[in-house]
Amino acid sequence: WRQHGRADLEDAMLTDQQVRQYRDQGYAVVEKLLTPAQLAELRRVTDAFVAGARGLSASTAVIELEDNHKPSEPRVRRIKNAYHNHPAYETLAKAENVLAPVRQLIGPDIRLHGSKLNIKGAKGGAAVEWHQDWAFYPHSNDDLLAIGIFLDDVGMDNAPIMFLPGSHRGPVHDHHSNGVFVGAVDVIAGGVDVSGAVPVTCPAGSMTIHHAR
């Protein structure tokens, strides 16, 4: 890790246009936010977590396995509570180049609610269905956002995250099915038009910021 000087933080700051996009559309993208050293360390640590799934026959408190996982052919869907399970992730969460744009949007008093890594393994990575993060952590106000940091280049061929612009200013949708919380929105039953969804493609080390709704 290297210390970030003034020029690095200036590069991390959101432009006026990015701030407007977040306010109007609910998300913004900062390309190539991480330094090469940050990115290399995170890849090394994450690869080690995936390798640690070899031999597992069931998910653990930290590693969530794909349905097609085999002990001899590890397939990891998610690394849970990353912030608490390796100092590299904790360091990332406190890095000034990550926090600077967040402060621009919600102010200096920041509390980390949670962390995880969603892994889209080649040839069958599990989808994350349409949802609003708000359903997972409702608060007394909606000054909440999530950041996503890409450890690989993201193109249309490896299942990019998609946002529905302006949906953060709309209603909170039901995330239940037959009375059970499923963490996803039935867009057909809910009458949600997702035809205007925007996929986010960007190089490794980039960061997305999106509103909790």
C-alpha atoms as a PDB file:
ATOM      1  CA  TRP A   1       0.000   0.000   0.000  1.00  0.00           C
ATOM      2  CA  ARG A   2       1.176   3.496  -0.648  1.00  0.00           C
ATOM      3  CA  GLN A   3       0.058   6.719   0.897  1.00  0.00           C
ATOM      4  CA  HIS A   4      -2.180   8.866  -1.254  1.00  0.00           C
ATOM      5  CA  GLY A   5      -0.999  12.398  -1.769  1.00  0.00           C
ATOM      6  CA  ARG A   6      -3.028  15.447  -2.707  1.00  0.00           C
ATOM      7  CA  ALA A   7      -2.988  14.730  -6.441  1.00  0.00           C
ATOM      8  CA  ASP A   8      -4.330  11.187  -5.902  1.00  0.00           C
ATOM      9  CA  LEU A   9      -7.244  12.446  -3.816  1.00  0.00           C
ATOM     10  CA  GLU A  10      -8.046  15.069  -6.407  1.00  0.00           C
ATOM     11  CA  ASP A  11      -8.257  12.277  -8.979  1.00  0.00           C
ATOM     12  CA  ALA A  12     -10.673  10.383  -6.693  1.00  0.00           C
ATOM     13  CA  MET A  13     -13.033  13.312  -6.168  1.00  0.00           C
ATOM     14  CA  LEU A  14     -16.297  13.305  -8.062  1.00  0.00           C
ATOM     15  CA  THR A  15     -16.795  15.945 -10.725  1.00  0.00           C
ATOM     16  CA  ASP A  16     -19.858  18.183 -10.634  1.00  0.00           C
ATOM     17  CA  GLN A  17     -21.287  16.078 -13.448  1.00  0.00           C
ATOM     18  CA  GLN A  18     -20.821  12.853 -11.474  1.00  0.00           C
ATOM     19  CA  VAL A  19     -22.496  14.378  -8.419  1.00  0.00           C
ATOM     20  CA  ARG A  20     -25.438  15.480 -10.571  1.00  0.00           C
ATOM     21  CA  GLN A  21     -25.689  12.015 -12.069  1.00  0.00           C
ATOM     22  CA  TYR A  22     -25.825  10.460  -8.603  1.00  0.00           C
ATOM     23  CA  ARG A  23     -28.538  12.900  -7.488  1.00  0.00           C
ATOM     24  CA  ASP A  24     -30.592  12.542 -10.692  1.00  0.00           C
ATOM     25  CA  GLN A  25     -30.013   8.935 -11.718  1.00  0.00           C
ATOM     26  CA  GLY A  26     -29.040   7.276  -8.439  1.00  0.00           C
ATOM     27  CA  TYR A  27     -25.545   6.138  -9.344  1.00  0.00           C
ATOM     28  CA  ALA A  28     -22.121   7.288 -10.472  1.00  0.00           C
ATOM     29  CA  VAL A  29     -18.939   5.589 -11.687  1.00  0.00           C
ATOM     30  CA  VAL A  30     -15.339   6.482 -10.851  1.00  0.00           C
ATOM     31  CA  GLU A  31     -12.999   4.712 -13.272  1.00  0.00           C
ATOM     32  CA  LYS A  32      -9.593   3.352 -12.223  1.00  0.00           C
ATOM     33  CA  LEU A  33      -9.925   4.591  -8.655  1.00  0.00           C
ATOM     34  CA  LEU A  34      -7.592   2.027  -7.098  1.00  0.00           C
ATOM     35  CA  THR A  35      -3.851   2.183  -7.412  1.00  0.00           C
ATOM     36  CA  PRO A  36      -2.079  -0.793  -9.044  1.00  0.00           C
ATOM     37  CA  ALA A  37      -0.763  -1.796  -5.613  1.00  0.00           C
ATOM     38  CA  GLN A  38      -4.238  -1.781  -4.072  1.00  0.00           C
ATOM     39  CA  LEU A  39      -5.665  -3.806  -6.925  1.00  0.00           C
ATOM     40  CA  ALA A  40      -2.868  -6.384  -6.886  1.00  0.00           C
ATOM     41  CA  GLU A  41      -3.201  -6.967  -3.143  1.00  0.00           C
ATOM     42  CA  LEU A  42      -6.970  -7.369  -3.291  1.00  0.00           C
ATOM     43  CA  ARG A  43      -6.721  -9.837  -6.158  1.00  0.00           C
ATOM     44  CA  ARG A  44      -4.120 -11.861  -4.270  1.00  0.00           C
ATOM     45  CA  VAL A  45      -6.242 -12.017  -1.127  1.00  0.00           C
ATOM     46  CA  THR A  46      -9.446 -12.812  -3.005  1.00  0.00           C
ATOM     47  CA  ASP A  47      -7.786 -15.579  -5.018  1.00  0.00           C
ATOM     48  CA  ALA A  48      -6.634 -17.099  -1.727  1.00  0.00           C
ATOM     49  CA  PHE A  49     -10.207 -17.117  -0.387  1.00  0.00           C
ATOM     50  CA  VAL A  50     -11.428 -18.868  -3.534  1.00  0.00           C
ATOM     51  CA  ALA A  51      -8.605 -21.401  -3.336  1.00  0.00           C
ATOM     52  CA  GLY A  52      -9.593 -22.006   0.288  1.00  0.00           C
ATOM     53  CA  ALA A  53     -12.916 -23.391  -0.908  1.00  0.00           C
ATOM     54  CA  ARG A  54     -11.174 -26.439  -2.326  1.00  0.00           C
ATOM     55  CA  GLY A  55     -12.209 -29.439  -0.268  1.00  0.00           C
ATOM     56  CA  LEU A  56     -15.299 -27.789   1.166  1.00  0.00           C
ATOM     57  CA  SER A  57     -18.555 -29.695   0.828  1.00  0.00           C
ATOM     58  CA  ALA A  58     -20.784 -26.925   2.209  1.00  0.00           C
ATOM     59  CA  SER A  59     -20.780 -23.157   2.647  1.00  0.00           C
ATOM     60  CA  THR A  60     -19.180 -21.652   5.743  1.00  0.00           C
ATOM     61  CA  ALA A  61     -19.793 -18.483   7.708  1.00  0.00           C
ATOM     62  CA  VAL A  62     -17.396 -16.697   5.328  1.00  0.00           C
ATOM     63  CA  ILE A  63     -17.522 -18.543   2.000  1.00  0.00           C
ATOM     64  CA  GLU A  64     -20.825 -19.064   0.186  1.00  0.00           C
ATOM     65  CA  LEU A  65     -20.573 -21.724  -2.497  1.00  0.00           C
ATOM     66  CA  GLU A  66     -22.223 -21.915  -5.896  1.00  0.00           C
ATOM     67  CA  ASP A  67     -24.801 -24.640  -6.486  1.00  0.00           C
ATOM     68  CA  ASN A  68     -22.440 -26.330  -8.932  1.00  0.00           C
ATOM     69  CA  HIS A  69     -19.489 -26.288  -6.512  1.00  0.00           C
ATOM     70  CA  LYS A  70     -17.477 -29.459  -6.111  1.00  0.00           C
ATOM     71  CA  PRO A  71     -14.781 -29.980  -3.444  1.00  0.00           C
ATOM     72  CA  SER A  72     -12.323 -30.747  -6.249  1.00  0.00           C
ATOM     73  CA  GLU A  73     -13.562 -27.857  -8.422  1.00  0.00           C
ATOM     74  CA  PRO A  74     -14.251 -24.905  -6.116  1.00  0.00           C
ATOM     75  CA  ARG A  75     -16.945 -22.455  -7.177  1.00  0.00           C
ATOM     76  CA  VAL A  76     -17.471 -19.492  -4.850  1.00  0.00           C
ATOM     77  CA  ARG A  77     -20.526 -17.253  -5.074  1.00  0.00           C
ATOM     78  CA  ARG A  78     -19.766 -14.822  -2.270  1.00  0.00           C
ATOM     79  CA  ILE A  79     -17.258 -13.918   0.420  1.00  0.00           C
ATOM     80  CA  LYS A  80     -19.267 -12.680   3.392  1.00  0.00           C
ATOM     81  CA  ASN A  81     -18.314  -9.871   5.751  1.00  0.00           C
ATOM     82  CA  ALA A  82     -15.070  -9.272   3.890  1.00  0.00           C
ATOM     83  CA  TYR A  83     -14.271  -6.236   6.045  1.00  0.00           C
ATOM     84  CA  HIS A  84     -14.074  -8.449   9.147  1.00  0.00           C
ATOM     85  CA  ASN A  85     -12.273 -11.382   7.553  1.00  0.00           C
ATOM     86  CA  HIS A  86      -9.082  -9.907   6.124  1.00  0.00           C
ATOM     87  CA  PRO A  87      -7.145  -6.708   6.908  1.00  0.00           C
ATOM     88  CA  ALA A  88      -6.754  -5.938   3.193  1.00  0.00           C
ATOM     89  CA  TYR A  89     -10.511  -5.437   2.865  1.00  0.00           C
ATOM     90  CA  GLU A  90     -10.596  -3.376   6.062  1.00  0.00           C
ATOM     91  CA  THR A  91      -7.782  -1.203   4.746  1.00  0.00           C
ATOM     92  CA  LEU A  92      -9.689  -0.701   1.502  1.00  0.00           C
ATOM     93  CA  ALA A  93     -12.834   0.366   3.344  1.00  0.00           C
ATOM     94  CA  LYS A  94     -10.852   3.047   5.169  1.00  0.00           C
ATOM     95  CA  ALA A  95      -8.763   4.196   2.189  1.00  0.00           C
ATOM     96  CA  GLU A  96      -8.971   7.901   1.530  1.00  0.00           C
ATOM     97  CA  ASN A  97      -9.375   7.493  -2.218  1.00  0.00           C
ATOM     98  CA  VAL A  98     -12.473   5.357  -1.534  1.00  0.00           C
ATOM     99  CA  LEU A  99     -13.974   7.562   1.168  1.00  0.00           C
ATOM    100  CA  ALA A 100     -13.374  10.952  -0.482  1.00  0.00           C
ATOM    101  CA  PRO A 101     -16.167  10.616  -3.090  1.00  0.00           C
ATOM    102  CA  VAL A 102     -18.511   9.100  -0.503  1.00  0.00           C
ATOM    103  CA  ARG A 103     -18.056  12.142   1.744  1.00  0.00           C
ATOM    104  CA  GLN A 104     -18.969  14.379  -1.178  1.00  0.00           C
ATOM    105  CA  LEU A 105     -22.367  12.719  -1.384  1.00  0.00           C
ATOM    106  CA  ILE A 106     -23.423  12.060   2.225  1.00  0.00           C
ATOM    107  CA  GLY A 107     -21.066  14.125   4.371  1.00  0.00           C
ATOM    108  CA  PRO A 108     -18.167  13.380   6.726  1.00  0.00           C
ATOM    109  CA  ASP A 109     -19.951  11.213   9.310  1.00  0.00           C
ATOM    110  CA  ILE A 110     -19.798   7.756   7.730  1.00  0.00           C
ATOM    111  CA  ARG A 111     -20.677   4.397   9.209  1.00  0.00           C
ATOM    112  CA  LEU A 112     -19.912   1.136   7.420  1.00  0.00           C
ATOM    113  CA  HIS A 113     -22.971  -1.106   7.464  1.00  0.00           C
ATOM    114  CA  GLY A 114     -21.543  -4.241   5.877  1.00  0.00           C
ATOM    115  CA  SER A 115     -19.353  -5.709   3.173  1.00  0.00           C
ATOM    116  CA  LYS A 116     -19.221  -8.682   0.830  1.00  0.00           C
ATOM    117  CA  LEU A 117     -17.670  -9.814  -2.422  1.00  0.00           C
ATOM    118  CA  ASN A 118     -19.921 -11.136  -5.154  1.00  0.00           C
ATOM    119  CA  ILE A 119     -17.922 -13.406  -7.421  1.00  0.00           C
ATOM    120  CA  LYS A 120     -19.026 -14.123 -10.973  1.00  0.00           C
ATOM    121  CA  GLY A 121     -17.035 -17.206 -11.854  1.00  0.00           C
ATOM    122  CA  ALA A 122     -16.631 -18.020 -15.551  1.00  0.00           C
ATOM    123  CA  LYS A 123     -19.143 -20.416 -17.118  1.00  0.00           C
ATOM    124  CA  GLY A 124     -22.005 -20.068 -14.696  1.00  0.00           C
ATOM    125  CA  GLY A 125     -21.588 -17.312 -12.114  1.00  0.00           C
ATOM    126  CA  ALA A 126     -24.859 -16.831 -10.212  1.00  0.00           C
ATOM    127  CA  ALA A 127     -27.018 -13.840 -11.040  1.00  0.00           C
ATOM    128  CA  VAL A 128     -28.110 -11.253  -8.474  1.00  0.00           C
ATOM    129  CA  GLU A 129     -31.729 -10.468  -9.301  1.00  0.00           C
ATOM    130  CA  TRP A 130     -33.347  -7.008  -9.456  1.00  0.00           C
ATOM    131  CA  HIS A 131     -33.517  -5.511  -5.979  1.00  0.00           C
ATOM    132  CA  GLN A 132     -33.226  -2.348  -3.908  1.00  0.00           C
ATOM    133  CA  ASP A 133     -30.553  -2.419  -1.220  1.00  0.00           C
ATOM    134  CA  TRP A 134     -32.966  -0.540   1.022  1.00  0.00           C
ATOM    135  CA  ALA A 135     -34.925  -3.778   1.520  1.00  0.00           C
ATOM    136  CA  PHE A 136     -31.919  -5.333   3.238  1.00  0.00           C
ATOM    137  CA  TYR A 137     -31.141  -2.516   5.661  1.00  0.00           C
ATOM    138  CA  PRO A 138     -33.983  -0.027   6.199  1.00  0.00           C
ATOM    139  CA  HIS A 139     -33.111   3.010   8.301  1.00  0.00           C
ATOM    140  CA  SER A 140     -34.968   6.080   9.499  1.00  0.00           C
ATOM    141  CA  ASN A 141     -33.660   8.015   6.484  1.00  0.00           C
ATOM    142  CA  ASP A 142     -32.366   7.017   3.086  1.00  0.00           C
ATOM    143  CA  ASP A 143     -29.018   8.805   3.141  1.00  0.00           C
ATOM    144  CA  LEU A 144     -27.387   5.476   2.434  1.00  0.00           C
ATOM    145  CA  LEU A 145     -25.349   4.291  -0.491  1.00  0.00           C
ATOM    146  CA  ALA A 146     -23.356   1.289  -1.580  1.00  0.00           C
ATOM    147  CA  ILE A 147     -20.038   1.183  -3.332  1.00  0.00           C
ATOM    148  CA  GLY A 148     -18.861  -1.587  -5.610  1.00  0.00           C
ATOM    149  CA  ILE A 149     -15.215  -2.048  -6.497  1.00  0.00           C
ATOM    150  CA  PHE A 150     -14.265  -4.141  -9.512  1.00  0.00           C
ATOM    151  CA  LEU A 151     -11.243  -6.417  -9.248  1.00  0.00           C
ATOM    152  CA  ASP A 152     -11.453  -7.387 -12.921  1.00  0.00           C
ATOM    153  CA  ASP A 153     -12.282  -5.560 -16.122  1.00  0.00           C
ATOM    154  CA  VAL A 154     -16.063  -5.642 -16.559  1.00  0.00           C
ATOM    155  CA  GLY A 155     -17.531  -5.937 -20.039  1.00  0.00           C
ATOM    156  CA  MET A 156     -20.788  -7.200 -21.449  1.00  0.00           C
ATOM    157  CA  ASP A 157     -19.373 -10.728 -21.529  1.00  0.00           C
ATOM    158  CA  ASN A 158     -18.996 -11.067 -17.753  1.00  0.00           C
ATOM    159  CA  ALA A 159     -22.370 -10.023 -16.381  1.00  0.00           C
ATOM    160  CA  PRO A 160     -22.033  -6.326 -15.465  1.00  0.00           C
ATOM    161  CA  ILE A 161     -24.104  -4.712 -12.745  1.00  0.00           C
ATOM    162  CA  MET A 162     -27.127  -2.826 -14.096  1.00  0.00           C
ATOM    163  CA  PHE A 163     -28.882   0.236 -12.707  1.00  0.00           C
ATOM    164  CA  LEU A 164     -32.332   1.621 -13.443  1.00  0.00           C
ATOM    165  CA  PRO A 165     -31.739   5.401 -13.654  1.00  0.00           C
ATOM    166  CA  GLY A 166     -33.992   7.497 -11.443  1.00  0.00           C
ATOM    167  CA  SER A 167     -35.509   4.509  -9.644  1.00  0.00           C
ATOM    168  CA  HIS A 168     -34.099   5.772  -6.324  1.00  0.00           C
ATOM    169  CA  ARG A 169     -36.689   8.562  -6.472  1.00  0.00           C
ATOM    170  CA  GLY A 170     -39.538   6.112  -7.005  1.00  0.00           C
ATOM    171  CA  PRO A 171     -41.369   3.717  -4.683  1.00  0.00           C
ATOM    172  CA  VAL A 172     -39.909   1.088  -2.400  1.00  0.00           C
ATOM    173  CA  HIS A 173     -40.820  -2.258  -3.951  1.00  0.00           C
ATOM    174  CA  ASP A 174     -41.885  -5.503  -2.325  1.00  0.00           C
ATOM    175  CA  HIS A 175     -39.085  -8.057  -1.942  1.00  0.00           C
ATOM    176  CA  HIS A 176     -41.310 -10.924  -0.769  1.00  0.00           C
ATOM    177  CA  SER A 177     -42.789 -13.953  -2.476  1.00  0.00           C
ATOM    178  CA  ASN A 178     -45.740 -15.733  -0.851  1.00  0.00           C
ATOM    179  CA  GLY A 179     -45.005 -13.848   2.356  1.00  0.00           C
ATOM    180  CA  VAL A 180     -41.334 -14.858   2.470  1.00  0.00           C
ATOM    181  CA  PHE A 181     -38.491 -12.365   2.029  1.00  0.00           C
ATOM    182  CA  VAL A 182     -36.552 -13.357  -1.090  1.00  0.00           C
ATOM    183  CA  GLY A 183     -34.391 -10.261  -1.552  1.00  0.00           C
ATOM    184  CA  ALA A 184     -35.613  -9.633  -5.089  1.00  0.00           C
ATOM    185  CA  VAL A 185     -38.341  -7.717  -6.905  1.00  0.00           C
ATOM    186  CA  ASP A 186     -40.832  -9.466  -9.187  1.00  0.00           C
ATOM    187  CA  VAL A 187     -40.619  -6.821 -11.892  1.00  0.00           C
ATOM    188  CA  ILE A 188     -43.548  -8.279 -13.839  1.00  0.00           C
ATOM    189  CA  ALA A 189     -45.927  -8.492 -10.896  1.00  0.00           C
ATOM    190  CA  GLY A 190     -44.720  -5.116  -9.624  1.00  0.00           C
ATOM    191  CA  GLY A 191     -45.097  -3.437 -12.989  1.00  0.00           C
ATOM    192  CA  VAL A 192     -41.467  -2.295 -13.006  1.00  0.00           C
ATOM    193  CA  ASP A 193     -40.180  -1.327 -16.448  1.00  0.00           C
ATOM    194  CA  VAL A 194     -36.519  -2.354 -16.638  1.00  0.00           C
ATOM    195  CA  SER A 195     -36.136  -1.701 -20.359  1.00  0.00           C
ATOM    196  CA  GLY A 196     -34.117   1.442 -19.596  1.00  0.00           C
ATOM    197  CA  ALA A 197     -31.585  -0.363 -17.415  1.00  0.00           C
ATOM    198  CA  VAL A 198     -27.978   0.716 -17.920  1.00  0.00           C
ATOM    199  CA  PRO A 199     -25.126  -1.827 -17.687  1.00  0.00           C
ATOM    200  CA  VAL A 200     -21.913  -0.535 -16.156  1.00  0.00           C
ATOM    201  CA  THR A 201     -18.753  -1.614 -17.951  1.00  0.00           C
ATOM    202  CA  CYS A 202     -15.422  -0.316 -16.751  1.00  0.00           C
ATOM    203  CA  PRO A 203     -11.800  -1.319 -16.156  1.00  0.00           C
ATOM    204  CA  ALA A 204     -10.514  -3.113 -13.083  1.00  0.00           C
ATOM    205  CA  GLY A 205      -9.999  -0.852 -10.082  1.00  0.00           C
ATOM    206  CA  SER A 206     -13.085   1.241 -10.858  1.00  0.00           C
ATOM    207  CA  MET A 207     -15.805   2.002  -8.316  1.00  0.00           C
ATOM    208  CA  THR A 208     -19.560   2.376  -8.609  1.00  0.00           C
ATOM    209  CA  ILE A 209     -21.601   4.334  -6.103  1.00  0.00           C
ATOM    210  CA  HIS A 210     -25.343   3.792  -5.934  1.00  0.00           C
ATOM    211  CA  HIS A 211     -28.187   4.941  -3.735  1.00  0.00           C
ATOM    212  CA  ALA A 212     -29.745   2.421  -1.333  1.00  0.00           C
ATOM    213  CA  ARG A 213     -33.091   2.664  -3.140  1.00  0.00           C
END
